[in-house]
Amino acid sequence: MEITCEECGATLPSDKCPSCHNPVPLWAKHCPHCGQLMAKARPKSEAKAKRQLCSDESCIGIIGPDGVCTDCGKRPIG
């Protein structure tokens, strides 16, 4: 079984759920079909591991390559 991106149709890396045997994205902590906790540690992409969250606690953005938040436009504190 494969998982395909609904936006672009690309095949996403996946694994089978040990409980329901449906495909689960490699980065998922739980199966989206049955809720089973996935036992394997999932690799994070290098870009995701290096991201810096916005320092404004009310914002959900990340600091972009230009040094400002992609959501609110603020620069990080410190």
PDB file of N, CA and C in Angstrom:
ATOM      1  N   MET A   1       0.831  -1.180   0.000  1.00  0.00           N
ATOM      2  CA  MET A   1       0.000   0.000   0.000  1.00  0.00           C
ATOM      3  C   MET A   1       0.876   1.245   0.000  1.00  0.00           C
ATOM      4  N   GLU A   2       0.385   2.270  -0.647  1.00  0.00           N
ATOM      5  CA  GLU A   2       1.114   3.528  -0.734  1.00  0.00           C
ATOM      6  C   GLU A   2       0.240   4.670  -0.248  1.00  0.00           C
ATOM      7  N   ILE A   3       0.901   5.744   0.137  1.00  0.00           N
ATOM      8  CA  ILE A   3       0.205   6.980   0.458  1.00  0.00           C
ATOM      9  C   ILE A   3       0.621   7.991  -0.597  1.00  0.00           C
ATOM     10  N   THR A   4      -0.357   8.663  -1.194  1.00  0.00           N
ATOM     11  CA  THR A   4      -0.037   9.683  -2.185  1.00  0.00           C
ATOM     12  C   THR A   4      -0.516  11.041  -1.703  1.00  0.00           C
ATOM     13  N   CYS A   5       0.250  12.052  -2.038  1.00  0.00           N
ATOM     14  CA  CYS A   5      -0.090  13.426  -1.690  1.00  0.00           C
ATOM     15  C   CYS A   5      -1.332  13.849  -2.476  1.00  0.00           C
ATOM     16  N   GLU A   6      -2.329  14.392  -1.763  1.00  0.00           N
ATOM     17  CA  GLU A   6      -3.549  14.824  -2.428  1.00  0.00           C
ATOM     18  C   GLU A   6      -3.321  16.059  -3.303  1.00  0.00           C
ATOM     19  N   GLU A   7      -2.281  16.833  -2.985  1.00  0.00           N
ATOM     20  CA  GLU A   7      -1.990  18.060  -3.726  1.00  0.00           C
ATOM     21  C   GLU A   7      -1.257  17.792  -5.034  1.00  0.00           C
ATOM     22  N   CYS A   8      -0.139  17.005  -4.954  1.00  0.00           N
ATOM     23  CA  CYS A   8       0.714  16.841  -6.140  1.00  0.00           C
ATOM     24  C   CYS A   8       0.766  15.416  -6.682  1.00  0.00           C
ATOM     25  N   GLY A   9       0.228  14.449  -5.937  1.00  0.00           N
ATOM     26  CA  GLY A   9       0.219  13.068  -6.406  1.00  0.00           C
ATOM     27  C   GLY A   9       1.500  12.297  -6.152  1.00  0.00           C
ATOM     28  N   ALA A  10       2.475  12.903  -5.436  1.00  0.00           N
ATOM     29  CA  ALA A  10       3.735  12.223  -5.146  1.00  0.00           C
ATOM     30  C   ALA A  10       3.505  11.089  -4.149  1.00  0.00           C
ATOM     31  N   THR A  11       4.295  10.031  -4.277  1.00  0.00           N
ATOM     32  CA  THR A  11       4.228   8.926  -3.327  1.00  0.00           C
ATOM     33  C   THR A  11       5.010   9.306  -2.076  1.00  0.00           C
ATOM     34  N   LEU A  12       4.380   9.178  -0.917  1.00  0.00           N
ATOM     35  CA  LEU A  12       5.008   9.537   0.349  1.00  0.00           C
ATOM     36  C   LEU A  12       5.584   8.295   1.023  1.00  0.00           C
ATOM     37  N   PRO A  13       6.729   8.437   1.724  1.00  0.00           N
ATOM     38  CA  PRO A  13       7.294   7.294   2.423  1.00  0.00           C
ATOM     39  C   PRO A  13       6.346   6.827   3.523  1.00  0.00           C
ATOM     40  N   SER A  14       6.076   5.530   3.558  1.00  0.00           N
ATOM     41  CA  SER A  14       5.123   5.015   4.535  1.00  0.00           C
ATOM     42  C   SER A  14       5.534   3.652   5.059  1.00  0.00           C
ATOM     43  N   ASP A  15       4.850   3.238   6.092  1.00  0.00           N
ATOM     44  CA  ASP A  15       5.050   1.952   6.740  1.00  0.00           C
ATOM     45  C   ASP A  15       3.667   1.381   7.000  1.00  0.00           C
ATOM     46  N   LYS A  16       3.571   0.101   7.361  1.00  0.00           N
ATOM     47  CA  LYS A  16       2.286  -0.490   7.693  1.00  0.00           C
ATOM     48  C   LYS A  16       2.048  -0.419   9.199  1.00  0.00           C
ATOM     49  N   CYS A  17       0.823  -0.135   9.583  1.00  0.00           N
ATOM     50  CA  CYS A  17       0.438  -0.146  10.991  1.00  0.00           C
ATOM     51  C   CYS A  17       0.465  -1.592  11.476  1.00  0.00           C
ATOM     52  N   PRO A  18       1.081  -1.852  12.640  1.00  0.00           N
ATOM     53  CA  PRO A  18       1.125  -3.220  13.145  1.00  0.00           C
ATOM     54  C   PRO A  18      -0.247  -3.730  13.597  1.00  0.00           C
ATOM     55  N   SER A  19      -1.191  -2.823  13.798  1.00  0.00           N
ATOM     56  CA  SER A  19      -2.509  -3.220  14.284  1.00  0.00           C
ATOM     57  C   SER A  19      -3.511  -3.417  13.149  1.00  0.00           C
ATOM     58  N   CYS A  20      -3.712  -2.381  12.329  1.00  0.00           N
ATOM     59  CA  CYS A  20      -4.738  -2.464  11.277  1.00  0.00           C
ATOM     60  C   CYS A  20      -4.161  -2.707   9.882  1.00  0.00           C
ATOM     61  N   HIS A  21      -2.845  -2.637   9.751  1.00  0.00           N
ATOM     62  CA  HIS A  21      -2.125  -2.909   8.503  1.00  0.00           C
ATOM     63  C   HIS A  21      -2.371  -1.885   7.391  1.00  0.00           C
ATOM     64  N   ASN A  22      -2.910  -0.727   7.729  1.00  0.00           N
ATOM     65  CA  ASN A  22      -3.067   0.351   6.759  1.00  0.00           C
ATOM     66  C   ASN A  22      -1.752   1.112   6.645  1.00  0.00           C
ATOM     67  N   PRO A  23      -1.528   1.835   5.537  1.00  0.00           N
ATOM     68  CA  PRO A  23      -0.297   2.603   5.405  1.00  0.00           C
ATOM     69  C   PRO A  23      -0.300   3.810   6.347  1.00  0.00           C
ATOM     70  N   VAL A  24       0.870   4.080   6.935  1.00  0.00           N
ATOM     71  CA  VAL A  24       1.050   5.186   7.874  1.00  0.00           C
ATOM     72  C   VAL A  24       2.284   5.973   7.438  1.00  0.00           C
ATOM     73  N   PRO A  25       2.208   7.301   7.350  1.00  0.00           N
ATOM     74  CA  PRO A  25       3.392   8.085   6.994  1.00  0.00           C
ATOM     75  C   PRO A  25       4.533   7.805   7.979  1.00  0.00           C
ATOM     76  N   LEU A  26       5.764   7.782   7.488  1.00  0.00           N
ATOM     77  CA  LEU A  26       6.906   7.459   8.346  1.00  0.00           C
ATOM     78  C   LEU A  26       7.054   8.388   9.536  1.00  0.00           C
ATOM     79  N   TRP A  27       6.608   9.630   9.407  1.00  0.00           N
ATOM     80  CA  TRP A  27       6.778  10.599  10.489  1.00  0.00           C
ATOM     81  C   TRP A  27       5.635  10.560  11.511  1.00  0.00           C
ATOM     82  N   ALA A  28       4.613   9.741  11.291  1.00  0.00           N
ATOM     83  CA  ALA A  28       3.461   9.692  12.196  1.00  0.00           C
ATOM     84  C   ALA A  28       3.803   8.974  13.502  1.00  0.00           C
ATOM     85  N   LYS A  29       3.324   9.527  14.597  1.00  0.00           N
ATOM     86  CA  LYS A  29       3.506   8.894  15.904  1.00  0.00           C
ATOM     87  C   LYS A  29       2.385   7.895  16.178  1.00  0.00           C
ATOM     88  N   HIS A  30       1.223   8.124  15.564  1.00  0.00           N
ATOM     89  CA  HIS A  30       0.070   7.246  15.717  1.00  0.00           C
ATOM     90  C   HIS A  30      -0.518   6.956  14.343  1.00  0.00           C
ATOM     91  N   CYS A  31      -1.139   5.807  14.223  1.00  0.00           N
ATOM     92  CA  CYS A  31      -1.816   5.453  12.978  1.00  0.00           C
ATOM     93  C   CYS A  31      -3.037   6.359  12.816  1.00  0.00           C
ATOM     94  N   PRO A  32      -3.187   7.018  11.652  1.00  0.00           N
ATOM     95  CA  PRO A  32      -4.357   7.878  11.449  1.00  0.00           C
ATOM     96  C   PRO A  32      -5.659   7.099  11.271  1.00  0.00           C
ATOM     97  N   HIS A  33      -5.564   5.779  11.091  1.00  0.00           N
ATOM     98  CA  HIS A  33      -6.749   4.952  10.867  1.00  0.00           C
ATOM     99  C   HIS A  33      -7.302   4.369  12.168  1.00  0.00           C
ATOM    100  N   CYS A  34      -6.405   3.866  13.040  1.00  0.00           N
ATOM    101  CA  CYS A  34      -6.874   3.188  14.255  1.00  0.00           C
ATOM    102  C   CYS A  34      -6.315   3.793  15.548  1.00  0.00           C
ATOM    103  N   GLY A  35      -5.350   4.723  15.438  1.00  0.00           N
ATOM    104  CA  GLY A  35      -4.794   5.361  16.626  1.00  0.00           C
ATOM    105  C   GLY A  35      -3.658   4.604  17.291  1.00  0.00           C
ATOM    106  N   GLN A  36      -3.252   3.477  16.737  1.00  0.00           N
ATOM    107  CA  GLN A  36      -2.173   2.666  17.308  1.00  0.00           C
ATOM    108  C   GLN A  36      -0.886   3.477  17.387  1.00  0.00           C
ATOM    109  N   LEU A  37      -0.209   3.423  18.521  1.00  0.00           N
ATOM    110  CA  LEU A  37       1.090   4.073  18.678  1.00  0.00           C
ATOM    111  C   LEU A  37       2.098   3.342  17.805  1.00  0.00           C
ATOM    112  N   MET A  38       2.818   4.088  17.000  1.00  0.00           N
ATOM    113  CA  MET A  38       3.828   3.491  16.137  1.00  0.00           C
ATOM    114  C   MET A  38       5.115   3.333  16.939  1.00  0.00           C
ATOM    115  N   ALA A  39       5.646   2.141  17.024  1.00  0.00           N
ATOM    116  CA  ALA A  39       6.774   1.831  17.899  1.00  0.00           C
ATOM    117  C   ALA A  39       8.106   2.357  17.385  1.00  0.00           C
ATOM    118  N   LYS A  40       8.279   2.397  16.079  1.00  0.00           N
ATOM    119  CA  LYS A  40       9.571   2.812  15.527  1.00  0.00           C
ATOM    120  C   LYS A  40       9.771   4.311  15.681  1.00  0.00           C
ATOM    121  N   ALA A  41      11.006   4.713  15.935  1.00  0.00           N
ATOM    122  CA  ALA A  41      11.340   6.135  15.946  1.00  0.00           C
ATOM    123  C   ALA A  41      11.324   6.621  14.508  1.00  0.00           C
ATOM    124  N   ARG A  42      10.638   7.676  14.253  1.00  0.00           N
ATOM    125  CA  ARG A  42      10.525   8.196  12.900  1.00  0.00           C
ATOM    126  C   ARG A  42      11.594   9.241  12.634  1.00  0.00           C
ATOM    127  N   PRO A  43      12.241   9.154  11.480  1.00  0.00           N
ATOM    128  CA  PRO A  43      13.264  10.157  11.159  1.00  0.00           C
ATOM    129  C   PRO A  43      12.633  11.504  10.838  1.00  0.00           C
ATOM    130  N   LYS A  44      13.267  12.573  11.277  1.00  0.00           N
ATOM    131  CA  LYS A  44      12.824  13.917  10.929  1.00  0.00           C
ATOM    132  C   LYS A  44      13.654  14.373   9.740  1.00  0.00           C
ATOM    133  N   SER A  45      13.038  15.135   8.906  1.00  0.00           N
ATOM    134  CA  SER A  45      13.803  15.666   7.792  1.00  0.00           C
ATOM    135  C   SER A  45      14.806  16.677   8.337  1.00  0.00           C
ATOM    136  N   GLU A  46      15.896  16.858   7.635  1.00  0.00           N
ATOM    137  CA  GLU A  46      16.936  17.792   8.073  1.00  0.00           C
ATOM    138  C   GLU A  46      16.375  19.207   8.183  1.00  0.00           C
ATOM    139  N   ALA A  47      15.542  19.594   7.235  1.00  0.00           N
ATOM    140  CA  ALA A  47      14.957  20.939   7.266  1.00  0.00           C
ATOM    141  C   ALA A  47      14.059  21.120   8.481  1.00  0.00           C
ATOM    142  N   LYS A  48      13.269  20.097   8.811  1.00  0.00           N
ATOM    143  CA  LYS A  48      12.376  20.188   9.961  1.00  0.00           C
ATOM    144  C   LYS A  48      13.159  20.239  11.259  1.00  0.00           C
ATOM    145  N   ALA A  49      14.260  19.492  11.353  1.00  0.00           N
ATOM    146  CA  ALA A  49      15.071  19.469  12.562  1.00  0.00           C
ATOM    147  C   ALA A  49      15.751  20.809  12.817  1.00  0.00           C
ATOM    148  N   LYS A  50      16.041  21.574  11.758  1.00  0.00           N
ATOM    149  CA  LYS A  50      16.763  22.838  11.886  1.00  0.00           C
ATOM    150  C   LYS A  50      15.856  24.053  12.006  1.00  0.00           C
ATOM    151  N   ARG A  51      14.548  23.868  11.918  1.00  0.00           N
ATOM    152  CA  ARG A  51      13.662  25.025  11.933  1.00  0.00           C
ATOM    153  C   ARG A  51      13.645  25.705  13.300  1.00  0.00           C
ATOM    154  N   GLN A  52      13.419  26.998  13.282  1.00  0.00           N
ATOM    155  CA  GLN A  52      13.357  27.788  14.511  1.00  0.00           C
ATOM    156  C   GLN A  52      11.950  28.359  14.629  1.00  0.00           C
ATOM    157  N   LEU A  53      11.279  28.062  15.739  1.00  0.00           N
ATOM    158  CA  LEU A  53       9.930  28.550  15.947  1.00  0.00           C
ATOM    159  C   LEU A  53       9.945  30.026  16.317  1.00  0.00           C
ATOM    160  N   CYS A  54       8.877  30.725  16.012  1.00  0.00           N
ATOM    161  CA  CYS A  54       8.732  32.136  16.355  1.00  0.00           C
ATOM    162  C   CYS A  54       8.762  32.289  17.874  1.00  0.00           C
ATOM    163  N   SER A  55       9.426  33.345  18.352  1.00  0.00           N
ATOM    164  CA  SER A  55       9.547  33.542  19.800  1.00  0.00           C
ATOM    165  C   SER A  55       8.289  34.148  20.417  1.00  0.00           C
ATOM    166  N   ASP A  56       7.359  34.620  19.594  1.00  0.00           N
ATOM    167  CA  ASP A  56       6.084  35.144  20.090  1.00  0.00           C
ATOM    168  C   ASP A  56       5.194  33.947  20.448  1.00  0.00           C
ATOM    169  N   GLU A  57       4.844  33.806  21.704  1.00  0.00           N
ATOM    170  CA  GLU A  57       4.101  32.634  22.165  1.00  0.00           C
ATOM    171  C   GLU A  57       2.698  32.521  21.568  1.00  0.00           C
ATOM    172  N   SER A  58       2.169  33.612  21.026  1.00  0.00           N
ATOM    173  CA  SER A  58       0.837  33.550  20.432  1.00  0.00           C
ATOM    174  C   SER A  58       0.887  33.248  18.933  1.00  0.00           C
ATOM    175  N   CYS A  59       2.096  33.058  18.382  1.00  0.00           N
ATOM    176  CA  CYS A  59       2.275  32.824  16.950  1.00  0.00           C
ATOM    177  C   CYS A  59       2.681  31.371  16.699  1.00  0.00           C
ATOM    178  N   ILE A  60       2.256  30.822  15.565  1.00  0.00           N
ATOM    179  CA  ILE A  60       2.606  29.442  15.219  1.00  0.00           C
ATOM    180  C   ILE A  60       3.594  29.370  14.055  1.00  0.00           C
ATOM    181  N   GLY A  61       4.142  30.519  13.652  1.00  0.00           N
ATOM    182  CA  GLY A  61       5.053  30.574  12.513  1.00  0.00           C
ATOM    183  C   GLY A  61       6.452  30.087  12.841  1.00  0.00           C
ATOM    184  N   ILE A  62       7.286  29.999  11.802  1.00  0.00           N
ATOM    185  CA  ILE A  62       8.699  29.643  11.950  1.00  0.00           C
ATOM    186  C   ILE A  62       9.543  30.775  11.356  1.00  0.00           C
ATOM    187  N   ILE A  63      10.792  30.852  11.787  1.00  0.00           N
ATOM    188  CA  ILE A  63      11.697  31.878  11.285  1.00  0.00           C
ATOM    189  C   ILE A  63      12.196  31.441   9.909  1.00  0.00           C
ATOM    190  N   GLY A  64      11.953  32.271   8.925  1.00  0.00           N
ATOM    191  CA  GLY A  64      12.334  31.965   7.552  1.00  0.00           C
ATOM    192  C   GLY A  64      13.790  32.295   7.274  1.00  0.00           C
ATOM    193  N   PRO A  65      14.272  32.018   6.063  1.00  0.00           N
ATOM    194  CA  PRO A  65      15.663  32.266   5.711  1.00  0.00           C
ATOM    195  C   PRO A  65      16.048  33.743   5.775  1.00  0.00           C
ATOM    196  N   ASP A  66      15.049  34.630   5.709  1.00  0.00           N
ATOM    197  CA  ASP A  66      15.334  36.063   5.793  1.00  0.00           C
ATOM    198  C   ASP A  66      15.413  36.572   7.234  1.00  0.00           C
ATOM    199  N   GLY A  67      15.230  35.680   8.216  1.00  0.00           N
ATOM    200  CA  GLY A  67      15.361  36.045   9.624  1.00  0.00           C
ATOM    201  C   GLY A  67      14.099  36.572  10.274  1.00  0.00           C
ATOM    202  N   VAL A  68      12.971  36.523   9.565  1.00  0.00           N
ATOM    203  CA  VAL A  68      11.710  36.971  10.148  1.00  0.00           C
ATOM    204  C   VAL A  68      10.698  35.830  10.135  1.00  0.00           C
ATOM    205  N   CYS A  69       9.705  35.925  11.022  1.00  0.00           N
ATOM    206  CA  CYS A  69       8.673  34.896  11.135  1.00  0.00           C
ATOM    207  C   CYS A  69       7.850  34.845   9.848  1.00  0.00           C
ATOM    208  N   THR A  70       7.583  33.643   9.385  1.00  0.00           N
ATOM    209  CA  THR A  70       6.806  33.463   8.157  1.00  0.00           C
ATOM    210  C   THR A  70       5.331  33.776   8.365  1.00  0.00           C
ATOM    211  N   ASP A  71       4.886  33.859   9.625  1.00  0.00           N
ATOM    212  CA  ASP A  71       3.478  34.110   9.917  1.00  0.00           C
ATOM    213  C   ASP A  71       3.218  35.558  10.338  1.00  0.00           C
ATOM    214  N   CYS A  72       3.960  36.035  11.352  1.00  0.00           N
ATOM    215  CA  CYS A  72       3.672  37.368  11.896  1.00  0.00           C
ATOM    216  C   CYS A  72       4.668  38.439  11.467  1.00  0.00           C
ATOM    217  N   GLY A  73       5.805  38.057  10.896  1.00  0.00           N
ATOM    218  CA  GLY A  73       6.784  39.024  10.410  1.00  0.00           C
ATOM    219  C   GLY A  73       7.756  39.555  11.452  1.00  0.00           C
ATOM    220  N   LYS A  74       7.673  39.055  12.689  1.00  0.00           N
ATOM    221  CA  LYS A  74       8.580  39.518  13.736  1.00  0.00           C
ATOM    222  C   LYS A  74       9.931  38.830  13.642  1.00  0.00           C
ATOM    223  N   ARG A  75      10.951  39.484  14.159  1.00  0.00           N
ATOM    224  CA  ARG A  75      12.288  38.884  14.249  1.00  0.00           C
ATOM    225  C   ARG A  75      12.401  38.177  15.599  1.00  0.00           C
ATOM    226  N   PRO A  76      13.213  37.103  15.687  1.00  0.00           N
ATOM    227  CA  PRO A  76      13.342  36.392  16.959  1.00  0.00           C
ATOM    228  C   PRO A  76      13.999  37.256  18.037  1.00  0.00           C
ATOM    229  N   ILE A  77      13.611  37.028  19.287  1.00  0.00           N
ATOM    230  CA  ILE A  77      14.188  37.732  20.419  1.00  0.00           C
ATOM    231  C   ILE A  77      15.504  37.059  20.785  1.00  0.00           C
ATOM    232  N   GLY A  78      16.515  37.859  21.021  1.00  0.00           N
ATOM    233  CA  GLY A  78      17.810  37.315  21.462  1.00  0.00           C
ATOM    234  C   GLY A  78      18.737  37.169  20.386  1.00  0.00           C
TER     235      GLY A  78
END
